[in-house]
Amino acid sequence: MRGVSLARAGLLALALAACGLGPSAARAAPRTVQTQLDLSASANFIMPTAGVPVGTVTWGDTTYRLDARVFHTRDAALGWYPDQVSLPVPSDARSALAVQILVNLDAMSADFSGEKVGEVGLTWQNGAEQTVDLVAGSNVRGWLLSDSNGPLQDAGSHEVYRGQDVYGRTAVIDSLTLVADPSVRDFGLAKVTIRDTSFDTADSLDPGLVVRGVTVISSPRASGSGD
């Protein structure tokens, strides 16, 4: 299941509609439950984006939990930083339909466009891992708009925030949607892992990954269920 692509726009649109995550998701809210995973223990970096809110925010149809710090992976300037973070999924969110991640790149340049720079792994309770590649310029881009070559190309990615950083530059935050694979989702989602692979797949410590929030969207029938 490694290397699952979100570039299949038609399939993604159908899956989002089935999960109640399309443009009308807010009207279908009773059909899903949103659980914000706790990044606070892993948050390790303060971005120069003072205008970004802290706490619970709703962008589009999804509610996220934002801390004052973000999780930042290693890059050329922060070579000692970790290359991944794994977040456990609480038992009442394991009947996952999709996962939405606020993720961007730091130290991004046009040289990395089209390169795999990371991946997201959804680990299910039967041990299976559904993996989605993070490809620069396709489903992930720099947090500074000036570092990007244009809008995201992947149907599962979209911009949720735009503002100024402390130096007056235009900053963005993007959301990436991973739809649960129907063949394994009934086993229950155990954890979400976000990995920086740029050293191995792009021959560079740059760019680093910047993760601000992770929300699991699940079926309400899972509420109150055990492990």
C-alpha atoms as a PDB file:
ATOM      1  CA  MET A   1       0.000   0.000   0.000  1.00  0.00           C
ATOM      2  CA  ARG A   2       3.043   2.286  -0.051  1.00  0.00           C
ATOM      3  CA  GLY A   3       3.127   5.238  -2.433  1.00  0.00           C
ATOM      4  CA  VAL A   4      -0.640   5.694  -2.668  1.00  0.00           C
ATOM      5  CA  SER A   5      -1.203   8.832  -4.764  1.00  0.00           C
ATOM      6  CA  LEU A   6      -3.802  11.518  -4.103  1.00  0.00           C
ATOM      7  CA  ALA A   7      -3.538  12.715  -7.689  1.00  0.00           C
ATOM      8  CA  ARG A   8      -6.553  10.712  -8.792  1.00  0.00           C
ATOM      9  CA  ALA A   9      -8.925  13.634  -8.546  1.00  0.00           C
ATOM     10  CA  GLY A  10     -12.033  11.760  -9.623  1.00  0.00           C
ATOM     11  CA  LEU A  11     -11.562   8.943  -7.123  1.00  0.00           C
ATOM     12  CA  LEU A  12     -10.747  11.419  -4.374  1.00  0.00           C
ATOM     13  CA  ALA A  13     -13.845  13.477  -5.049  1.00  0.00           C
ATOM     14  CA  LEU A  14     -16.005  10.368  -4.843  1.00  0.00           C
ATOM     15  CA  ALA A  15     -14.344   9.271  -1.623  1.00  0.00           C
ATOM     16  CA  LEU A  16     -14.738  12.695  -0.052  1.00  0.00           C
ATOM     17  CA  ALA A  17     -18.394  12.773  -0.978  1.00  0.00           C
ATOM     18  CA  ALA A  18     -18.903   9.328   0.541  1.00  0.00           C
ATOM     19  CA  CYS A  19     -17.233  10.502   3.749  1.00  0.00           C
ATOM     20  CA  GLY A  20     -19.162  13.766   3.874  1.00  0.00           C
ATOM     21  CA  LEU A  21     -15.969  15.772   3.265  1.00  0.00           C
ATOM     22  CA  GLY A  22     -16.819  17.587   0.067  1.00  0.00           C
ATOM     23  CA  PRO A  23     -17.956  21.225  -0.167  1.00  0.00           C
ATOM     24  CA  SER A  24     -21.181  20.367   1.636  1.00  0.00           C
ATOM     25  CA  ALA A  25     -19.431  18.624   4.552  1.00  0.00           C
ATOM     26  CA  ALA A  26     -20.575  21.226   7.069  1.00  0.00           C
ATOM     27  CA  ARG A  27     -24.202  20.425   6.286  1.00  0.00           C
ATOM     28  CA  ALA A  28     -23.438  16.724   6.781  1.00  0.00           C
ATOM     29  CA  ALA A  29     -21.664  17.254  10.124  1.00  0.00           C
ATOM     30  CA  PRO A  30     -23.880  14.829  12.114  1.00  0.00           C
ATOM     31  CA  ARG A  31     -22.514  11.996   9.948  1.00  0.00           C
ATOM     32  CA  THR A  32     -18.915  12.483  11.115  1.00  0.00           C
ATOM     33  CA  VAL A  33     -16.894  13.222  14.250  1.00  0.00           C
ATOM     34  CA  GLN A  34     -13.726  15.329  14.210  1.00  0.00           C
ATOM     35  CA  THR A  35     -10.897  14.574  16.645  1.00  0.00           C
ATOM     36  CA  GLN A  36      -7.851  16.809  16.907  1.00  0.00           C
ATOM     37  CA  LEU A  37      -4.662  14.864  17.645  1.00  0.00           C
ATOM     38  CA  ASP A  38      -2.332  16.278  20.292  1.00  0.00           C
ATOM     39  CA  LEU A  39       0.880  17.671  18.794  1.00  0.00           C
ATOM     40  CA  SER A  40       1.927  19.630  21.884  1.00  0.00           C
ATOM     41  CA  ALA A  41       4.475  17.082  23.149  1.00  0.00           C
ATOM     42  CA  SER A  42       6.236  17.084  19.761  1.00  0.00           C
ATOM     43  CA  ALA A  43       5.987  20.804  18.905  1.00  0.00           C
ATOM     44  CA  ASN A  44       9.527  22.126  18.735  1.00  0.00           C
ATOM     45  CA  PHE A  45       9.701  25.333  16.680  1.00  0.00           C
ATOM     46  CA  ILE A  46       8.206  28.820  16.630  1.00  0.00           C
ATOM     47  CA  MET A  47       7.380  30.079  13.156  1.00  0.00           C
ATOM     48  CA  PRO A  48       7.573  33.834  12.407  1.00  0.00           C
ATOM     49  CA  THR A  49       3.825  33.956  11.774  1.00  0.00           C
ATOM     50  CA  ALA A  50       2.445  35.864  14.737  1.00  0.00           C
ATOM     51  CA  GLY A  51      -0.921  36.362  13.037  1.00  0.00           C
ATOM     52  CA  VAL A  52      -1.783  32.652  13.015  1.00  0.00           C
ATOM     53  CA  PRO A  53      -4.353  31.924  15.749  1.00  0.00           C
ATOM     54  CA  VAL A  54      -3.610  29.587  18.658  1.00  0.00           C
ATOM     55  CA  GLY A  55      -6.137  27.147  20.069  1.00  0.00           C
ATOM     56  CA  THR A  56      -9.161  25.661  18.322  1.00  0.00           C
ATOM     57  CA  VAL A  57      -9.798  27.058  14.854  1.00  0.00           C
ATOM     58  CA  THR A  58     -12.195  26.057  12.086  1.00  0.00           C
ATOM     59  CA  TRP A  59     -11.024  26.489   8.521  1.00  0.00           C
ATOM     60  CA  GLY A  60     -13.439  25.371   5.858  1.00  0.00           C
ATOM     61  CA  ASP A  61     -15.297  22.363   7.186  1.00  0.00           C
ATOM     62  CA  THR A  62     -12.565  21.159   9.549  1.00  0.00           C
ATOM     63  CA  THR A  63     -11.634  22.095  13.099  1.00  0.00           C
ATOM     64  CA  TYR A  64      -7.954  22.005  14.076  1.00  0.00           C
ATOM     65  CA  ARG A  65      -6.025  22.496  17.295  1.00  0.00           C
ATOM     66  CA  LEU A  66      -3.093  24.888  16.853  1.00  0.00           C
ATOM     67  CA  ASP A  67      -0.279  25.350  19.372  1.00  0.00           C
ATOM     68  CA  ALA A  68       2.051  28.325  19.632  1.00  0.00           C
ATOM     69  CA  ARG A  69       4.786  26.014  18.321  1.00  0.00           C
ATOM     70  CA  VAL A  70       4.756  23.716  15.293  1.00  0.00           C
ATOM     71  CA  PHE A  71       6.409  20.374  14.672  1.00  0.00           C
ATOM     72  CA  HIS A  72       9.417  20.989  12.418  1.00  0.00           C
ATOM     73  CA  THR A  73      11.545  18.217  10.940  1.00  0.00           C
ATOM     74  CA  ARG A  74      15.240  18.448  10.230  1.00  0.00           C
ATOM     75  CA  ASP A  75      16.601  20.596   7.422  1.00  0.00           C
ATOM     76  CA  ALA A  76      20.032  21.960   6.526  1.00  0.00           C
ATOM     77  CA  ALA A  77      19.856  24.575   9.295  1.00  0.00           C
ATOM     78  CA  LEU A  78      18.320  22.211  11.864  1.00  0.00           C
ATOM     79  CA  GLY A  79      20.125  18.975  11.170  1.00  0.00           C
ATOM     80  CA  TRP A  80      19.657  17.673  14.712  1.00  0.00           C
ATOM     81  CA  TYR A  81      15.857  17.929  14.586  1.00  0.00           C
ATOM     82  CA  PRO A  82      13.769  14.718  14.287  1.00  0.00           C
ATOM     83  CA  ASP A  83      12.780  13.348  10.904  1.00  0.00           C
ATOM     84  CA  GLN A  84       9.314  12.144  11.884  1.00  0.00           C
ATOM     85  CA  VAL A  85       6.467  12.335  14.359  1.00  0.00           C
ATOM     86  CA  SER A  86       3.957   9.614  15.247  1.00  0.00           C
ATOM     87  CA  LEU A  87       0.624  10.491  16.829  1.00  0.00           C
ATOM     88  CA  PRO A  88      -1.593   7.855  18.458  1.00  0.00           C
ATOM     89  CA  VAL A  89      -5.270   7.899  17.592  1.00  0.00           C
ATOM     90  CA  PRO A  90      -7.667   7.721  20.556  1.00  0.00           C
ATOM     91  CA  SER A  91     -10.059   4.790  20.619  1.00  0.00           C
ATOM     92  CA  ASP A  92     -13.147   6.909  19.906  1.00  0.00           C
ATOM     93  CA  ALA A  93     -11.612   8.179  16.633  1.00  0.00           C
ATOM     94  CA  ARG A  94     -10.346   4.888  15.226  1.00  0.00           C
ATOM     95  CA  SER A  95     -13.254   4.372  12.846  1.00  0.00           C
ATOM     96  CA  ALA A  96     -11.501   6.885  10.621  1.00  0.00           C
ATOM     97  CA  LEU A  97     -12.857   7.967   7.265  1.00  0.00           C
ATOM     98  CA  ALA A  98     -10.127  10.511   6.548  1.00  0.00           C
ATOM     99  CA  VAL A  99      -7.257  12.435   8.100  1.00  0.00           C
ATOM    100  CA  GLN A 100      -6.561  16.110   7.439  1.00  0.00           C
ATOM    101  CA  ILE A 101      -3.085  17.501   8.088  1.00  0.00           C
ATOM    102  CA  LEU A 102      -1.866  21.088   8.110  1.00  0.00           C
ATOM    103  CA  VAL A 103       1.530  20.681   6.461  1.00  0.00           C
ATOM    104  CA  ASN A 104       3.949  22.906   4.550  1.00  0.00           C
ATOM    105  CA  LEU A 105       7.636  23.003   3.691  1.00  0.00           C
ATOM    106  CA  ASP A 106      10.421  25.157   5.125  1.00  0.00           C
ATOM    107  CA  ALA A 107      13.522  26.041   3.098  1.00  0.00           C
ATOM    108  CA  MET A 108      11.651  25.157  -0.063  1.00  0.00           C
ATOM    109  CA  SER A 109      13.081  26.106  -3.456  1.00  0.00           C
ATOM    110  CA  ALA A 110      12.120  25.470  -7.063  1.00  0.00           C
ATOM    111  CA  ASP A 111      14.879  22.837  -7.224  1.00  0.00           C
ATOM    112  CA  PHE A 112      12.695  20.460  -5.226  1.00  0.00           C
ATOM    113  CA  SER A 113       9.590  20.791  -7.390  1.00  0.00           C
ATOM    114  CA  GLY A 114       8.297  17.327  -8.268  1.00  0.00           C
ATOM    115  CA  GLU A 115      10.532  15.606  -5.713  1.00  0.00           C
ATOM    116  CA  LYS A 116       9.265  13.349  -2.952  1.00  0.00           C
ATOM    117  CA  VAL A 117      10.225  15.110   0.280  1.00  0.00           C
ATOM    118  CA  GLY A 118       8.210  13.141   2.815  1.00  0.00           C
ATOM    119  CA  GLU A 119       5.337  10.785   3.403  1.00  0.00           C
ATOM    120  CA  VAL A 120       2.367  10.281   5.669  1.00  0.00           C
ATOM    121  CA  GLY A 121       1.639   6.830   7.025  1.00  0.00           C
ATOM    122  CA  LEU A 122      -1.708   5.728   8.400  1.00  0.00           C
ATOM    123  CA  THR A 123      -1.149   2.621  10.512  1.00  0.00           C
ATOM    124  CA  TRP A 124      -4.191   0.432  11.054  1.00  0.00           C
ATOM    125  CA  GLN A 125      -4.745  -1.909  13.959  1.00  0.00           C
ATOM    126  CA  ASN A 126      -4.146  -4.980  11.801  1.00  0.00           C
ATOM    127  CA  GLY A 127      -0.602  -3.696  11.092  1.00  0.00           C
ATOM    128  CA  ALA A 128      -1.260  -2.436   7.562  1.00  0.00           C
ATOM    129  CA  GLU A 129       0.158   0.977   6.629  1.00  0.00           C
ATOM    130  CA  GLN A 130      -1.450   3.233   4.041  1.00  0.00           C
ATOM    131  CA  THR A 131       1.246   5.613   2.809  1.00  0.00           C
ATOM    132  CA  VAL A 132       0.890   8.835   0.848  1.00  0.00           C
ATOM    133  CA  ASP A 133       3.946  10.548  -0.648  1.00  0.00           C
ATOM    134  CA  LEU A 134       4.505  14.249  -0.026  1.00  0.00           C
ATOM    135  CA  VAL A 135       5.611  15.683  -3.369  1.00  0.00           C
ATOM    136  CA  ALA A 136       6.886  19.266  -3.490  1.00  0.00           C
ATOM    137  CA  GLY A 137       4.670  21.471  -5.636  1.00  0.00           C
ATOM    138  CA  SER A 138       1.983  18.808  -5.943  1.00  0.00           C
ATOM    139  CA  ASN A 139       0.411  18.166  -2.552  1.00  0.00           C
ATOM    140  CA  VAL A 140       2.762  20.194  -0.345  1.00  0.00           C
ATOM    141  CA  ARG A 141       4.520  23.552  -0.826  1.00  0.00           C
ATOM    142  CA  GLY A 142       6.526  26.159   1.055  1.00  0.00           C
ATOM    143  CA  TRP A 143       4.891  28.131   3.865  1.00  0.00           C
ATOM    144  CA  LEU A 144       6.196  31.296   2.209  1.00  0.00           C
ATOM    145  CA  LEU A 145       4.182  32.010  -0.906  1.00  0.00           C
ATOM    146  CA  SER A 146       7.303  33.360  -2.613  1.00  0.00           C
ATOM    147  CA  ASP A 147       8.878  29.876  -2.302  1.00  0.00           C
ATOM    148  CA  SER A 148       6.085  28.286  -4.338  1.00  0.00           C
ATOM    149  CA  ASN A 149       5.837  28.021  -8.107  1.00  0.00           C
ATOM    150  CA  GLY A 150       2.058  28.316  -8.044  1.00  0.00           C
ATOM    151  CA  PRO A 151      -1.024  26.739  -6.513  1.00  0.00           C
ATOM    152  CA  LEU A 152      -1.035  23.159  -5.306  1.00  0.00           C
ATOM    153  CA  GLN A 153      -1.773  20.653  -8.054  1.00  0.00           C
ATOM    154  CA  ASP A 154      -3.245  17.806  -6.013  1.00  0.00           C
ATOM    155  CA  ALA A 155      -6.993  17.526  -5.532  1.00  0.00           C
ATOM    156  CA  GLY A 156      -6.467  16.511  -1.888  1.00  0.00           C
ATOM    157  CA  SER A 157      -4.599  19.709  -0.949  1.00  0.00           C
ATOM    158  CA  HIS A 158      -5.881  23.232  -0.507  1.00  0.00           C
ATOM    159  CA  GLU A 159      -4.973  26.510   1.142  1.00  0.00           C
ATOM    160  CA  VAL A 160      -6.760  27.269   4.421  1.00  0.00           C
ATOM    161  CA  TYR A 161      -4.907  30.381   5.650  1.00  0.00           C
ATOM    162  CA  ARG A 162      -3.068  33.328   4.139  1.00  0.00           C
ATOM    163  CA  GLY A 163      -1.529  36.225   6.049  1.00  0.00           C
ATOM    164  CA  GLN A 164       1.660  38.162   6.707  1.00  0.00           C
ATOM    165  CA  ASP A 165       4.622  36.894   8.679  1.00  0.00           C
ATOM    166  CA  VAL A 166       6.505  39.187  11.076  1.00  0.00           C
ATOM    167  CA  TYR A 167       8.664  40.445   8.174  1.00  0.00           C
ATOM    168  CA  GLY A 168       5.700  41.336   5.968  1.00  0.00           C
ATOM    169  CA  ARG A 169       6.019  38.342   3.676  1.00  0.00           C
ATOM    170  CA  THR A 170       2.951  36.401   2.542  1.00  0.00           C
ATOM    171  CA  ALA A 171       2.606  33.145   4.458  1.00  0.00           C
ATOM    172  CA  VAL A 172       0.212  30.270   3.775  1.00  0.00           C
ATOM    173  CA  ILE A 173      -1.042  27.187   5.571  1.00  0.00           C
ATOM    174  CA  ASP A 174      -2.274  24.254   3.516  1.00  0.00           C
ATOM    175  CA  SER A 175      -4.393  21.236   4.394  1.00  0.00           C
ATOM    176  CA  LEU A 176      -3.783  17.761   2.966  1.00  0.00           C
ATOM    177  CA  THR A 177      -6.624  15.222   3.024  1.00  0.00           C
ATOM    178  CA  LEU A 178      -5.878  11.501   3.223  1.00  0.00           C
ATOM    179  CA  VAL A 179      -8.925   9.334   2.602  1.00  0.00           C
ATOM    180  CA  ALA A 180      -8.967   6.020   4.477  1.00  0.00           C
ATOM    181  CA  ASP A 181      -8.492   2.956   2.308  1.00  0.00           C
ATOM    182  CA  PRO A 182     -11.815   1.044   2.413  1.00  0.00           C
ATOM    183  CA  SER A 183      -9.965  -2.280   2.423  1.00  0.00           C
ATOM    184  CA  VAL A 184      -8.431  -1.626   5.861  1.00  0.00           C
ATOM    185  CA  ARG A 185     -10.387   1.133   7.560  1.00  0.00           C
ATOM    186  CA  ASP A 186     -12.730  -1.304   9.341  1.00  0.00           C
ATOM    187  CA  PHE A 187      -9.732  -2.498  11.386  1.00  0.00           C
ATOM    188  CA  GLY A 188      -9.461   0.921  13.035  1.00  0.00           C
ATOM    189  CA  LEU A 189      -6.786   3.604  12.733  1.00  0.00           C
ATOM    190  CA  ALA A 190      -4.004   3.241  15.331  1.00  0.00           C
ATOM    191  CA  LYS A 191      -1.612   6.086  14.545  1.00  0.00           C
ATOM    192  CA  VAL A 192      -0.626   8.784  12.069  1.00  0.00           C
ATOM    193  CA  THR A 193       3.061   9.177  11.186  1.00  0.00           C
ATOM    194  CA  ILE A 194       4.525  12.085   9.232  1.00  0.00           C
ATOM    195  CA  ARG A 195       8.047  11.476   7.900  1.00  0.00           C
ATOM    196  CA  ASP A 196      10.666  13.703   6.312  1.00  0.00           C
ATOM    197  CA  THR A 197      12.354  11.664   3.569  1.00  0.00           C
ATOM    198  CA  SER A 198      14.143  14.467   1.715  1.00  0.00           C
ATOM    199  CA  PHE A 199      17.652  13.264   2.592  1.00  0.00           C
ATOM    200  CA  ASP A 200      16.941   9.892   0.973  1.00  0.00           C
ATOM    201  CA  THR A 201      14.542  10.901  -1.808  1.00  0.00           C
ATOM    202  CA  ALA A 202      15.699  14.423  -2.762  1.00  0.00           C
ATOM    203  CA  ASP A 203      19.404  14.175  -1.817  1.00  0.00           C
ATOM    204  CA  SER A 204      19.125  17.097   0.584  1.00  0.00           C
ATOM    205  CA  LEU A 205      18.270  17.865   4.202  1.00  0.00           C
ATOM    206  CA  ASP A 206      16.106  20.669   2.814  1.00  0.00           C
ATOM    207  CA  PRO A 207      13.235  21.183   2.739  1.00  0.00           C
ATOM    208  CA  GLY A 208      11.929  20.523   6.233  1.00  0.00           C
ATOM    209  CA  LEU A 209       8.310  19.683   7.014  1.00  0.00           C
ATOM    210  CA  VAL A 210       6.189  22.055   9.109  1.00  0.00           C
ATOM    211  CA  VAL A 211       3.171  20.394  10.725  1.00  0.00           C
ATOM    212  CA  ARG A 212       0.637  22.575  12.554  1.00  0.00           C
ATOM    213  CA  GLY A 213      -2.323  20.282  13.141  1.00  0.00           C
ATOM    214  CA  VAL A 214      -3.830  16.857  12.508  1.00  0.00           C
ATOM    215  CA  THR A 215      -7.562  16.096  12.587  1.00  0.00           C
ATOM    216  CA  VAL A 216      -9.101  12.644  12.256  1.00  0.00           C
ATOM    217  CA  ILE A 217     -12.585  12.496  10.753  1.00  0.00           C
ATOM    218  CA  SER A 218     -14.391   9.365  11.818  1.00  0.00           C
ATOM    219  CA  SER A 219     -17.739   7.671  11.843  1.00  0.00           C
ATOM    220  CA  PRO A 220     -19.853   8.613  14.884  1.00  0.00           C
ATOM    221  CA  ARG A 221     -20.598   4.932  15.490  1.00  0.00           C
ATOM    222  CA  ALA A 222     -17.075   4.657  16.917  1.00  0.00           C
ATOM    223  CA  SER A 223     -17.870   7.015  19.798  1.00  0.00           C
ATOM    224  CA  GLY A 224     -17.574   5.285  23.124  1.00  0.00           C
ATOM    225  CA  SER A 225     -16.167   2.105  21.564  1.00  0.00           C
ATOM    226  CA  GLY A 226     -13.310   0.283  23.191  1.00  0.00           C
ATOM    227  CA  ASP A 227      -9.885  -0.608  21.827  1.00  0.00           C
END
